Amino acid sequence: MQEIVRKCIKLASKLEKKINEEKFLDLLSDDPDNNYLVFTRLLCECSDTMLGVLYQLGYFGDNERIWRIAVEIVEMRRIFEHEEEDVGGHIANLLAHLSRGKYYFDILY
């Protein structure tokens, strides 16, 4: 888990200048729960397109909890009408990954 988050931090910080690589890397620990929180904080600072790119490049591995965190962030942004243009279909591909299941925020509709 820690290595997945580390890789995501490194790529996200290179592609989005507002992501402070050192800040996020310093927050990582041997505690998986802490690392899920760090991952969530990182993704909240990323654009939806960045989340889709990380997913498509395989940075989420086979960790379903990580996929769900990313999808829930995109879905929450949609609820608050903070959507962005899906250039390259990256966001749609991420959302399609879990399309067979229910998203957490589906219950709000």
PDB file of N, CA and C in Angstrom:
ATOM      1  N   MET A   1       0.824  -1.192   0.000  1.00  0.00           N
ATOM      2  CA  MET A   1       0.000   0.000   0.000  1.00  0.00           C
ATOM      3  C   MET A   1       0.872   1.261   0.000  1.00  0.00           C
ATOM      4  N   GLN A   2       1.865   1.289   0.850  1.00  0.00           N
ATOM      5  CA  GLN A   2       2.724   2.464   0.939  1.00  0.00           C
ATOM      6  C   GLN A   2       3.415   2.751  -0.394  1.00  0.00           C
ATOM      7  N   GLU A   3       3.842   1.709  -1.085  1.00  0.00           N
ATOM      8  CA  GLU A   3       4.533   1.900  -2.360  1.00  0.00           C
ATOM      9  C   GLU A   3       3.589   2.444  -3.430  1.00  0.00           C
ATOM     10  N   ILE A   4       2.333   1.992  -3.423  1.00  0.00           N
ATOM     11  CA  ILE A   4       1.339   2.510  -4.373  1.00  0.00           C
ATOM     12  C   ILE A   4       1.174   4.011  -4.163  1.00  0.00           C
ATOM     13  N   VAL A   5       1.004   4.417  -2.915  1.00  0.00           N
ATOM     14  CA  VAL A   5       0.807   5.837  -2.604  1.00  0.00           C
ATOM     15  C   VAL A   5       2.064   6.633  -2.969  1.00  0.00           C
ATOM     16  N   ARG A   6       3.229   6.096  -2.671  1.00  0.00           N
ATOM     17  CA  ARG A   6       4.489   6.780  -2.995  1.00  0.00           C
ATOM     18  C   ARG A   6       4.584   7.043  -4.504  1.00  0.00           C
ATOM     19  N   LYS A   7       4.279   6.052  -5.312  1.00  0.00           N
ATOM     20  CA  LYS A   7       4.340   6.219  -6.769  1.00  0.00           C
ATOM     21  C   LYS A   7       3.339   7.270  -7.255  1.00  0.00           C
ATOM     22  N   CYS A   8       2.140   7.247  -6.685  1.00  0.00           N
ATOM     23  CA  CYS A   8       1.120   8.230  -7.066  1.00  0.00           C
ATOM     24  C   CYS A   8       1.565   9.639  -6.705  1.00  0.00           C
ATOM     25  N   ILE A   9       2.153   9.800  -5.536  1.00  0.00           N
ATOM     26  CA  ILE A   9       2.645  11.111  -5.109  1.00  0.00           C
ATOM     27  C   ILE A   9       3.701  11.624  -6.081  1.00  0.00           C
ATOM     28  N   LYS A  10       4.629  10.764  -6.445  1.00  0.00           N
ATOM     29  CA  LYS A  10       5.732  11.185  -7.318  1.00  0.00           C
ATOM     30  C   LYS A  10       5.233  11.612  -8.694  1.00  0.00           C
ATOM     31  N   LEU A  11       4.331  10.829  -9.293  1.00  0.00           N
ATOM     32  CA  LEU A  11       3.823  11.198 -10.620  1.00  0.00           C
ATOM     33  C   LEU A  11       2.931  12.433 -10.535  1.00  0.00           C
ATOM     34  N   ALA A  12       2.027  12.453  -9.578  1.00  0.00           N
ATOM     35  CA  ALA A  12       1.106  13.593  -9.460  1.00  0.00           C
ATOM     36  C   ALA A  12       1.870  14.890  -9.257  1.00  0.00           C
ATOM     37  N   SER A  13       2.926  14.857  -8.460  1.00  0.00           N
ATOM     38  CA  SER A  13       3.689  16.084  -8.198  1.00  0.00           C
ATOM     39  C   SER A  13       4.462  16.545  -9.430  1.00  0.00           C
ATOM     40  N   LYS A  14       4.792  15.622 -10.309  1.00  0.00           N
ATOM     41  CA  LYS A  14       5.496  16.000 -11.540  1.00  0.00           C
ATOM     42  C   LYS A  14       4.537  16.590 -12.568  1.00  0.00           C
ATOM     43  N   LEU A  15       3.293  16.116 -12.573  1.00  0.00           N
ATOM     44  CA  LEU A  15       2.324  16.562 -13.569  1.00  0.00           C
ATOM     45  C   LEU A  15       1.462  17.736 -13.108  1.00  0.00           C
ATOM     46  N   GLU A  16       1.316  17.891 -11.798  1.00  0.00           N
ATOM     47  CA  GLU A  16       0.535  19.010 -11.267  1.00  0.00           C
ATOM     48  C   GLU A  16       1.409  19.756 -10.264  1.00  0.00           C
ATOM     49  N   LYS A  17       1.831  20.940 -10.635  1.00  0.00           N
ATOM     50  CA  LYS A  17       2.801  21.711  -9.842  1.00  0.00           C
ATOM     51  C   LYS A  17       2.287  22.062  -8.449  1.00  0.00           C
ATOM     52  N   LYS A  18       0.972  22.095  -8.250  1.00  0.00           N
ATOM     53  CA  LYS A  18       0.454  22.459  -6.921  1.00  0.00           C
ATOM     54  C   LYS A  18       0.625  21.339  -5.895  1.00  0.00           C
ATOM     55  N   ILE A  19       0.971  20.128  -6.352  1.00  0.00           N
ATOM     56  CA  ILE A  19       1.174  18.995  -5.456  1.00  0.00           C
ATOM     57  C   ILE A  19       2.593  19.065  -4.892  1.00  0.00           C
ATOM     58  N   ASN A  20       2.705  19.135  -3.580  1.00  0.00           N
ATOM     59  CA  ASN A  20       3.992  19.227  -2.905  1.00  0.00           C
ATOM     60  C   ASN A  20       4.474  17.810  -2.571  1.00  0.00           C
ATOM     61  N   GLU A  21       5.372  17.287  -3.386  1.00  0.00           N
ATOM     62  CA  GLU A  21       5.854  15.911  -3.231  1.00  0.00           C
ATOM     63  C   GLU A  21       6.434  15.664  -1.840  1.00  0.00           C
ATOM     64  N   GLU A  22       7.289  16.532  -1.394  1.00  0.00           N
ATOM     65  CA  GLU A  22       7.952  16.342  -0.102  1.00  0.00           C
ATOM     66  C   GLU A  22       6.946  16.291   1.051  1.00  0.00           C
ATOM     67  N   LYS A  23       5.956  17.170   1.006  1.00  0.00           N
ATOM     68  CA  LYS A  23       4.935  17.203   2.062  1.00  0.00           C
ATOM     69  C   LYS A  23       4.216  15.856   2.171  1.00  0.00           C
ATOM     70  N   PHE A  24       3.808  15.321   1.030  1.00  0.00           N
ATOM     71  CA  PHE A  24       3.070  14.057   1.052  1.00  0.00           C
ATOM     72  C   PHE A  24       3.956  12.871   1.403  1.00  0.00           C
ATOM     73  N   LEU A  25       5.168  12.844   0.871  1.00  0.00           N
ATOM     74  CA  LEU A  25       6.070  11.728   1.185  1.00  0.00           C
ATOM     75  C   LEU A  25       6.398  11.696   2.680  1.00  0.00           C
ATOM     76  N   ASP A  26       6.519  12.865   3.290  1.00  0.00           N
ATOM     77  CA  ASP A  26       6.798  12.922   4.731  1.00  0.00           C
ATOM     78  C   ASP A  26       5.649  12.374   5.576  1.00  0.00           C
ATOM     79  N   LEU A  27       4.445  12.381   5.036  1.00  0.00           N
ATOM     80  CA  LEU A  27       3.273  11.897   5.781  1.00  0.00           C
ATOM     81  C   LEU A  27       3.128  10.369   5.757  1.00  0.00           C
ATOM     82  N   LEU A  28       3.810   9.702   4.835  1.00  0.00           N
ATOM     83  CA  LEU A  28       3.691   8.243   4.731  1.00  0.00           C
ATOM     84  C   LEU A  28       4.292   7.556   5.949  1.00  0.00           C
ATOM     85  N   SER A  29       3.727   6.407   6.301  1.00  0.00           N
ATOM     86  CA  SER A  29       4.224   5.644   7.446  1.00  0.00           C
ATOM     87  C   SER A  29       4.011   4.157   7.183  1.00  0.00           C
ATOM     88  N   ASP A  30       4.292   3.339   8.170  1.00  0.00           N
ATOM     89  CA  ASP A  30       4.052   1.898   8.059  1.00  0.00           C
ATOM     90  C   ASP A  30       2.606   1.530   8.388  1.00  0.00           C
ATOM     91  N   ASP A  31       1.807   2.509   8.776  1.00  0.00           N
ATOM     92  CA  ASP A  31       0.406   2.290   9.140  1.00  0.00           C
ATOM     93  C   ASP A  31      -0.469   2.413   7.890  1.00  0.00           C
ATOM     94  N   PRO A  32      -1.068   1.294   7.434  1.00  0.00           N
ATOM     95  CA  PRO A  32      -1.889   1.343   6.225  1.00  0.00           C
ATOM     96  C   PRO A  32      -3.047   2.341   6.312  1.00  0.00           C
ATOM     97  N   ASP A  33      -3.685   2.452   7.480  1.00  0.00           N
ATOM     98  CA  ASP A  33      -4.796   3.399   7.618  1.00  0.00           C
ATOM     99  C   ASP A  33      -4.322   4.829   7.407  1.00  0.00           C
ATOM    100  N   ASN A  34      -3.162   5.160   7.959  1.00  0.00           N
ATOM    101  CA  ASN A  34      -2.587   6.489   7.738  1.00  0.00           C
ATOM    102  C   ASN A  34      -2.323   6.709   6.255  1.00  0.00           C
ATOM    103  N   ASN A  35      -1.800   5.706   5.577  1.00  0.00           N
ATOM    104  CA  ASN A  35      -1.465   5.856   4.162  1.00  0.00           C
ATOM    105  C   ASN A  35      -2.708   6.011   3.295  1.00  0.00           C
ATOM    106  N   TYR A  36      -3.815   5.374   3.677  1.00  0.00           N
ATOM    107  CA  TYR A  36      -5.071   5.603   2.950  1.00  0.00           C
ATOM    108  C   TYR A  36      -5.528   7.051   3.127  1.00  0.00           C
ATOM    109  N   LEU A  37      -5.335   7.611   4.316  1.00  0.00           N
ATOM    110  CA  LEU A  37      -5.688   9.015   4.549  1.00  0.00           C
ATOM    111  C   LEU A  37      -4.792   9.952   3.734  1.00  0.00           C
ATOM    112  N   VAL A  38      -3.503   9.646   3.681  1.00  0.00           N
ATOM    113  CA  VAL A  38      -2.573  10.437   2.861  1.00  0.00           C
ATOM    114  C   VAL A  38      -2.984  10.364   1.402  1.00  0.00           C
ATOM    115  N   PHE A  39      -3.325   9.162   0.952  1.00  0.00           N
ATOM    116  CA  PHE A  39      -3.758   8.972  -0.431  1.00  0.00           C
ATOM    117  C   PHE A  39      -5.009   9.799  -0.727  1.00  0.00           C
ATOM    118  N   THR A  40      -5.957   9.778   0.192  1.00  0.00           N
ATOM    119  CA  THR A  40      -7.188  10.545   0.018  1.00  0.00           C
ATOM    120  C   THR A  40      -6.879  12.039  -0.066  1.00  0.00           C
ATOM    121  N   ARG A  41      -6.018  12.520   0.811  1.00  0.00           N
ATOM    122  CA  ARG A  41      -5.628  13.941   0.780  1.00  0.00           C
ATOM    123  C   ARG A  41      -4.949  14.293  -0.543  1.00  0.00           C
ATOM    124  N   LEU A  42      -4.080  13.402  -1.011  1.00  0.00           N
ATOM    125  CA  LEU A  42      -3.406  13.635  -2.291  1.00  0.00           C
ATOM    126  C   LEU A  42      -4.433  13.752  -3.417  1.00  0.00           C
ATOM    127  N   LEU A  43      -5.346  12.788  -3.484  1.00  0.00           N
ATOM    128  CA  LEU A  43      -6.306  12.791  -4.583  1.00  0.00           C
ATOM    129  C   LEU A  43      -7.243  13.983  -4.527  1.00  0.00           C
ATOM    130  N   CYS A  44      -7.524  14.475  -3.340  1.00  0.00           N
ATOM    131  CA  CYS A  44      -8.361  15.673  -3.217  1.00  0.00           C
ATOM    132  C   CYS A  44      -7.681  16.895  -3.832  1.00  0.00           C
ATOM    133  N   GLU A  45      -6.366  16.895  -3.891  1.00  0.00           N
ATOM    134  CA  GLU A  45      -5.628  18.005  -4.493  1.00  0.00           C
ATOM    135  C   GLU A  45      -5.411  17.812  -5.996  1.00  0.00           C
ATOM    136  N   CYS A  46      -5.698  16.621  -6.498  1.00  0.00           N
ATOM    137  CA  CYS A  46      -5.509  16.321  -7.922  1.00  0.00           C
ATOM    138  C   CYS A  46      -6.778  16.636  -8.703  1.00  0.00           C
ATOM    139  N   SER A  47      -6.599  16.924  -9.977  1.00  0.00           N
ATOM    140  CA  SER A  47      -7.754  17.079 -10.860  1.00  0.00           C
ATOM    141  C   SER A  47      -8.359  15.703 -11.136  1.00  0.00           C
ATOM    142  N   ASP A  48      -9.601  15.701 -11.588  1.00  0.00           N
ATOM    143  CA  ASP A  48     -10.239  14.439 -11.958  1.00  0.00           C
ATOM    144  C   ASP A  48      -9.468  13.753 -13.082  1.00  0.00           C
ATOM    145  N   THR A  49      -8.971  14.545 -14.009  1.00  0.00           N
ATOM    146  CA  THR A  49      -8.187  13.976 -15.107  1.00  0.00           C
ATOM    147  C   THR A  49      -6.948  13.268 -14.567  1.00  0.00           C
ATOM    148  N   MET A  50      -6.287  13.875 -13.574  1.00  0.00           N
ATOM    149  CA  MET A  50      -5.113  13.237 -12.970  1.00  0.00           C
ATOM    150  C   MET A  50      -5.504  11.905 -12.329  1.00  0.00           C
ATOM    151  N   LEU A  51      -6.650  11.856 -11.680  1.00  0.00           N
ATOM    152  CA  LEU A  51      -7.093  10.591 -11.086  1.00  0.00           C
ATOM    153  C   LEU A  51      -7.272   9.536 -12.168  1.00  0.00           C
ATOM    154  N   GLY A  52      -7.869   9.937 -13.286  1.00  0.00           N
ATOM    155  CA  GLY A  52      -8.051   9.006 -14.399  1.00  0.00           C
ATOM    156  C   GLY A  52      -6.729   8.545 -14.992  1.00  0.00           C
ATOM    157  N   VAL A  53      -5.778   9.450 -15.100  1.00  0.00           N
ATOM    158  CA  VAL A  53      -4.454   9.106 -15.647  1.00  0.00           C
ATOM    159  C   VAL A  53      -3.741   8.124 -14.710  1.00  0.00           C
ATOM    160  N   LEU A  54      -3.759   8.403 -13.415  1.00  0.00           N
ATOM    161  CA  LEU A  54      -3.135   7.483 -12.459  1.00  0.00           C
ATOM    162  C   LEU A  54      -3.746   6.090 -12.570  1.00  0.00           C
ATOM    163  N   TYR A  55      -5.064   6.042 -12.705  1.00  0.00           N
ATOM    164  CA  TYR A  55      -5.745   4.758 -12.846  1.00  0.00           C
ATOM    165  C   TYR A  55      -5.314   4.058 -14.133  1.00  0.00           C
ATOM    166  N   GLN A  56      -5.369   4.782 -15.249  1.00  0.00           N
ATOM    167  CA  GLN A  56      -5.066   4.158 -16.544  1.00  0.00           C
ATOM    168  C   GLN A  56      -3.620   3.693 -16.650  1.00  0.00           C
ATOM    169  N   LEU A  57      -2.729   4.355 -15.972  1.00  0.00           N
ATOM    170  CA  LEU A  57      -1.319   3.944 -16.004  1.00  0.00           C
ATOM    171  C   LEU A  57      -1.029   2.804 -15.032  1.00  0.00           C
ATOM    172  N   GLY A  58      -2.043   2.358 -14.318  1.00  0.00           N
ATOM    173  CA  GLY A  58      -1.875   1.220 -13.426  1.00  0.00           C
ATOM    174  C   GLY A  58      -1.330   1.560 -12.052  1.00  0.00           C
ATOM    175  N   TYR A  59      -1.336   2.831 -11.702  1.00  0.00           N
ATOM    176  CA  TYR A  59      -0.763   3.248 -10.422  1.00  0.00           C
ATOM    177  C   TYR A  59      -1.596   2.810  -9.219  1.00  0.00           C
ATOM    178  N   PHE A  60      -2.859   2.465  -9.431  1.00  0.00           N
ATOM    179  CA  PHE A  60      -3.701   2.027  -8.314  1.00  0.00           C
ATOM    180  C   PHE A  60      -3.540   0.539  -8.036  1.00  0.00           C
ATOM    181  N   GLY A  61      -2.775  -0.137  -8.883  1.00  0.00           N
ATOM    182  CA  GLY A  61      -2.581  -1.574  -8.692  1.00  0.00           C
ATOM    183  C   GLY A  61      -3.922  -2.302  -8.719  1.00  0.00           C
ATOM    184  N   ASP A  62      -4.027  -3.333  -7.915  1.00  0.00           N
ATOM    185  CA  ASP A  62      -5.290  -4.072  -7.851  1.00  0.00           C
ATOM    186  C   ASP A  62      -5.995  -3.797  -6.519  1.00  0.00           C
ATOM    187  N   ASN A  63      -5.722  -2.638  -5.942  1.00  0.00           N
ATOM    188  CA  ASN A  63      -6.262  -2.265  -4.646  1.00  0.00           C
ATOM    189  C   ASN A  63      -7.624  -1.598  -4.828  1.00  0.00           C
ATOM    190  N   GLU A  64      -8.669  -2.348  -4.567  1.00  0.00           N
ATOM    191  CA  GLU A  64     -10.027  -1.843  -4.781  1.00  0.00           C
ATOM    192  C   GLU A  64     -10.353  -0.656  -3.884  1.00  0.00           C
ATOM    193  N   ARG A  65      -9.816  -0.631  -2.688  1.00  0.00           N
ATOM    194  CA  ARG A  65     -10.087   0.504  -1.796  1.00  0.00           C
ATOM    195  C   ARG A  65      -9.551   1.801  -2.404  1.00  0.00           C
ATOM    196  N   ILE A  66      -8.415   1.730  -3.040  1.00  0.00           N
ATOM    197  CA  ILE A  66      -7.853   2.906  -3.704  1.00  0.00           C
ATOM    198  C   ILE A  66      -8.739   3.336  -4.868  1.00  0.00           C
ATOM    199  N   TRP A  67      -9.196   2.375  -5.655  1.00  0.00           N
ATOM    200  CA  TRP A  67     -10.103   2.712  -6.763  1.00  0.00           C
ATOM    201  C   TRP A  67     -11.347   3.406  -6.234  1.00  0.00           C
ATOM    202  N   ARG A  68     -11.900   2.875  -5.172  1.00  0.00           N
ATOM    203  CA  ARG A  68     -13.131   3.454  -4.610  1.00  0.00           C
ATOM    204  C   ARG A  68     -12.905   4.867  -4.083  1.00  0.00           C
ATOM    205  N   ILE A  69     -11.758   5.107  -3.469  1.00  0.00           N
ATOM    206  CA  ILE A  69     -11.449   6.459  -2.995  1.00  0.00           C
ATOM    207  C   ILE A  69     -11.458   7.427  -4.172  1.00  0.00           C
ATOM    208  N   ALA A  70     -10.801   7.061  -5.255  1.00  0.00           N
ATOM    209  CA  ALA A  70     -10.733   7.930  -6.435  1.00  0.00           C
ATOM    210  C   ALA A  70     -12.117   8.183  -7.015  1.00  0.00           C
ATOM    211  N   VAL A  71     -12.901   7.135  -7.159  1.00  0.00           N
ATOM    212  CA  VAL A  71     -14.243   7.279  -7.730  1.00  0.00           C
ATOM    213  C   VAL A  71     -15.121   8.140  -6.824  1.00  0.00           C
ATOM    214  N   GLU A  72     -15.032   7.941  -5.522  1.00  0.00           N
ATOM    215  CA  GLU A  72     -15.854   8.729  -4.609  1.00  0.00           C
ATOM    216  C   GLU A  72     -15.502  10.207  -4.663  1.00  0.00           C
ATOM    217  N   ILE A  73     -14.231  10.524  -4.865  1.00  0.00           N
ATOM    218  CA  ILE A  73     -13.839  11.932  -4.996  1.00  0.00           C
ATOM    219  C   ILE A  73     -14.454  12.532  -6.255  1.00  0.00           C
ATOM    220  N   VAL A  74     -14.373  11.821  -7.372  1.00  0.00           N
ATOM    221  CA  VAL A  74     -14.969  12.314  -8.616  1.00  0.00           C
ATOM    222  C   VAL A  74     -16.478  12.467  -8.459  1.00  0.00           C
ATOM    223  N   GLU A  75     -17.115  11.471  -7.862  1.00  0.00           N
ATOM    224  CA  GLU A  75     -18.564  11.534  -7.665  1.00  0.00           C
ATOM    225  C   GLU A  75     -18.957  12.688  -6.747  1.00  0.00           C
ATOM    226  N   MET A  76     -18.209  12.923  -5.697  1.00  0.00           N
ATOM    227  CA  MET A  76     -18.507  14.025  -4.787  1.00  0.00           C
ATOM    228  C   MET A  76     -18.386  15.362  -5.521  1.00  0.00           C
ATOM    229  N   ARG A  77     -17.376  15.492  -6.343  1.00  0.00           N
ATOM    230  CA  ARG A  77     -17.223  16.729  -7.112  1.00  0.00           C
ATOM    231  C   ARG A  77     -18.407  16.929  -8.055  1.00  0.00           C
ATOM    232  N   ARG A  78     -18.906  15.862  -8.616  1.00  0.00           N
ATOM    233  CA  ARG A  78     -20.071  15.969  -9.497  1.00  0.00           C
ATOM    234  C   ARG A  78     -21.295  16.437  -8.724  1.00  0.00           C
ATOM    235  N   ILE A  79     -21.456  15.953  -7.512  1.00  0.00           N
ATOM    236  CA  ILE A  79     -22.592  16.362  -6.685  1.00  0.00           C
ATOM    237  C   ILE A  79     -22.557  17.875  -6.465  1.00  0.00           C
ATOM    238  N   PHE A  80     -21.368  18.413  -6.260  1.00  0.00           N
ATOM    239  CA  PHE A  80     -21.220  19.848  -6.025  1.00  0.00           C
ATOM    240  C   PHE A  80     -20.934  20.623  -7.310  1.00  0.00           C
ATOM    241  N   GLU A  81     -21.216  19.969  -8.453  1.00  0.00           N
ATOM    242  CA  GLU A  81     -21.090  20.572  -9.782  1.00  0.00           C
ATOM    243  C   GLU A  81     -19.695  21.127 -10.045  1.00  0.00           C
ATOM    244  N   HIS A  82     -18.706  20.388  -9.598  1.00  0.00           N
ATOM    245  CA  HIS A  82     -17.306  20.748  -9.849  1.00  0.00           C
ATOM    246  C   HIS A  82     -16.717  19.737 -10.839  1.00  0.00           C
ATOM    247  N   GLU A  83     -17.366  19.630 -11.985  1.00  0.00           N
ATOM    248  CA  GLU A  83     -16.899  18.686 -12.996  1.00  0.00           C
ATOM    249  C   GLU A  83     -15.937  19.399 -13.934  1.00  0.00           C
ATOM    250  N   GLU A  84     -15.079  18.630 -14.542  1.00  0.00           N
ATOM    251  CA  GLU A  84     -14.166  19.182 -15.537  1.00  0.00           C
ATOM    252  C   GLU A  84     -14.326  18.409 -16.835  1.00  0.00           C
ATOM    253  N   GLU A  85     -13.873  18.999 -17.911  1.00  0.00           N
ATOM    254  CA  GLU A  85     -13.945  18.342 -19.208  1.00  0.00           C
ATOM    255  C   GLU A  85     -13.105  17.067 -19.178  1.00  0.00           C
ATOM    256  N   ASP A  86     -13.643  16.002 -19.733  1.00  0.00           N
ATOM    257  CA  ASP A  86     -12.970  14.703 -19.717  1.00  0.00           C
ATOM    258  C   ASP A  86     -12.123  14.533 -20.973  1.00  0.00           C
ATOM    259  N   VAL A  87     -11.018  15.237 -21.007  1.00  0.00           N
ATOM    260  CA  VAL A  87     -10.110  15.170 -22.151  1.00  0.00           C
ATOM    261  C   VAL A  87      -9.476  13.783 -22.191  1.00  0.00           C
ATOM    262  N   GLY A  88      -9.623  13.100 -23.291  1.00  0.00           N
ATOM    263  CA  GLY A  88      -9.022  11.778 -23.456  1.00  0.00           C
ATOM    264  C   GLY A  88      -9.822  10.640 -22.831  1.00  0.00           C
ATOM    265  N   GLY A  89     -10.939  10.954 -22.208  1.00  0.00           N
ATOM    266  CA  GLY A  89     -11.777   9.909 -21.621  1.00  0.00           C
ATOM    267  C   GLY A  89     -11.213   9.282 -20.361  1.00  0.00           C
ATOM    268  N   HIS A  90     -10.233   9.921 -19.728  1.00  0.00           N
ATOM    269  CA  HIS A  90      -9.592   9.350 -18.541  1.00  0.00           C
ATOM    270  C   HIS A  90     -10.563   9.208 -17.365  1.00  0.00           C
ATOM    271  N   ILE A  91     -11.402  10.214 -17.169  1.00  0.00           N
ATOM    272  CA  ILE A  91     -12.353  10.179 -16.055  1.00  0.00           C
ATOM    273  C   ILE A  91     -13.383   9.090 -16.289  1.00  0.00           C
ATOM    274  N   ALA A  92     -13.900   8.994 -17.509  1.00  0.00           N
ATOM    275  CA  ALA A  92     -14.893   7.965 -17.834  1.00  0.00           C
ATOM    276  C   ALA A  92     -14.324   6.566 -17.626  1.00  0.00           C
ATOM    277  N   ASN A  93     -13.063   6.358 -17.985  1.00  0.00           N
ATOM    278  CA  ASN A  93     -12.446   5.046 -17.796  1.00  0.00           C
ATOM    279  C   ASN A  93     -12.341   4.682 -16.323  1.00  0.00           C
ATOM    280  N   LEU A  94     -11.990   5.659 -15.498  1.00  0.00           N
ATOM    281  CA  LEU A  94     -11.917   5.413 -14.059  1.00  0.00           C
ATOM    282  C   LEU A  94     -13.287   5.053 -13.512  1.00  0.00           C
ATOM    283  N   LEU A  95     -14.304   5.825 -13.880  1.00  0.00           N
ATOM    284  CA  LEU A  95     -15.656   5.569 -13.377  1.00  0.00           C
ATOM    285  C   LEU A  95     -16.205   4.232 -13.889  1.00  0.00           C
ATOM    286  N   ALA A  96     -15.848   3.877 -15.107  1.00  0.00           N
ATOM    287  CA  ALA A  96     -16.325   2.618 -15.682  1.00  0.00           C
ATOM    288  C   ALA A  96     -15.779   1.412 -14.941  1.00  0.00           C
ATOM    289  N   HIS A  97     -14.626   1.556 -14.312  1.00  0.00           N
ATOM    290  CA  HIS A  97     -14.021   0.439 -13.597  1.00  0.00           C
ATOM    291  C   HIS A  97     -14.956  -0.124 -12.529  1.00  0.00           C
ATOM    292  N   LEU A  98     -15.658   0.754 -11.856  1.00  0.00           N
ATOM    293  CA  LEU A  98     -16.560   0.305 -10.790  1.00  0.00           C
ATOM    294  C   LEU A  98     -18.024   0.393 -11.192  1.00  0.00           C
ATOM    295  N   SER A  99     -18.303   0.498 -12.473  1.00  0.00           N
ATOM    296  CA  SER A  99     -19.677   0.714 -12.923  1.00  0.00           C
ATOM    297  C   SER A  99     -20.602  -0.457 -12.611  1.00  0.00           C
ATOM    298  N   ARG A 100     -20.047  -1.638 -12.398  1.00  0.00           N
ATOM    299  CA  ARG A 100     -20.898  -2.783 -12.072  1.00  0.00           C
ATOM    300  C   ARG A 100     -21.429  -2.700 -10.649  1.00  0.00           C
ATOM    301  N   GLY A 101     -20.713  -1.999  -9.787  1.00  0.00           N
ATOM    302  CA  GLY A 101     -21.132  -1.867  -8.390  1.00  0.00           C
ATOM    303  C   GLY A 101     -21.790  -0.531  -8.152  1.00  0.00           C
ATOM    304  N   LYS A 102     -22.173  -0.302  -6.938  1.00  0.00           N
ATOM    305  CA  LYS A 102     -22.769   0.970  -6.553  1.00  0.00           C
ATOM    306  C   LYS A 102     -21.682   1.885  -6.017  1.00  0.00           C
ATOM    307  N   TYR A 103     -21.705   3.120  -6.434  1.00  0.00           N
ATOM    308  CA  TYR A 103     -20.828   4.102  -5.827  1.00  0.00           C
ATOM    309  C   TYR A 103     -21.451   4.512  -4.499  1.00  0.00           C
ATOM    310  N   TYR A 104     -20.618   4.909  -3.604  1.00  0.00           N
ATOM    311  CA  TYR A 104     -21.072   5.321  -2.282  1.00  0.00           C
ATOM    312  C   TYR A 104     -22.124   6.421  -2.382  1.00  0.00           C
ATOM    313  N   PHE A 105     -21.923   7.376  -3.276  1.00  0.00           N
ATOM    314  CA  PHE A 105     -22.808   8.531  -3.340  1.00  0.00           C
ATOM    315  C   PHE A 105     -24.065   8.271  -4.170  1.00  0.00           C
ATOM    316  N   ASP A 106     -24.203   7.119  -4.781  1.00  0.00           N
ATOM    317  CA  ASP A 106     -25.425   6.798  -5.505  1.00  0.00           C
ATOM    318  C   ASP A 106     -26.631   6.828  -4.584  1.00  0.00           C
ATOM    319  N   ILE A 107     -26.432   6.541  -3.320  1.00  0.00           N
ATOM    320  CA  ILE A 107     -27.572   6.504  -2.408  1.00  0.00           C
ATOM    321  C   ILE A 107     -28.176   7.882  -2.177  1.00  0.00           C
ATOM    322  N   LEU A 108     -27.465   8.928  -2.561  1.00  0.00           N
ATOM    323  CA  LEU A 108     -27.986  10.284  -2.393  1.00  0.00           C
ATOM    324  C   LEU A 108     -29.031  10.631  -3.440  1.00  0.00           C
ATOM    325  N   TYR A 109     -29.122   9.847  -4.499  1.00  0.00           N
ATOM    326  CA  TYR A 109     -30.054  10.162  -5.591  1.00  0.00           C
ATOM    327  C   TYR A 109     -31.308   9.334  -5.502  1.00  0.00           C
TER     328      TYR A 109
END
